[in-house]
């Protein structure tokens, strides 16, 4: 029997041709997300000052106090909710054992990882429905 070498493009032309296009589209969406300006603390304070009719400096202090209260509550209770916006929770991850694992057909040494607490934010149901 004669074994011929067949190019990969002949086996799956659609999937190989589309891979670069998918990568380019993903890159374009990432650039669009990076180019979008995020609201800074000062801009948020100005926006709130206009809406509430208060001074920007006062609202900046309120934002500082809110951040301090939120971090204190998350440390103490493991949960903090900003009504109408999001809920911040902590979650404990177990420690992982070290050893050897098969990854992509190769045996790799994996270091043991200690247990850690992870902080996550979840949107409130009302915000999910709006978006």
Foldseek 3Di string as FASTA:
>chain_A
DDDDDDDPCVVPVVVVVCVVVVVVVVVVVVVVVVPDDDQDLQNVLVVVCVVVVHDSVVSSVVVVVVVVVQVVCCVVPQWDDDPQFKIKGKDKDQKAPWDWDQDPNDIDTGHTGHIDIDIDIGTDPNVVVVD
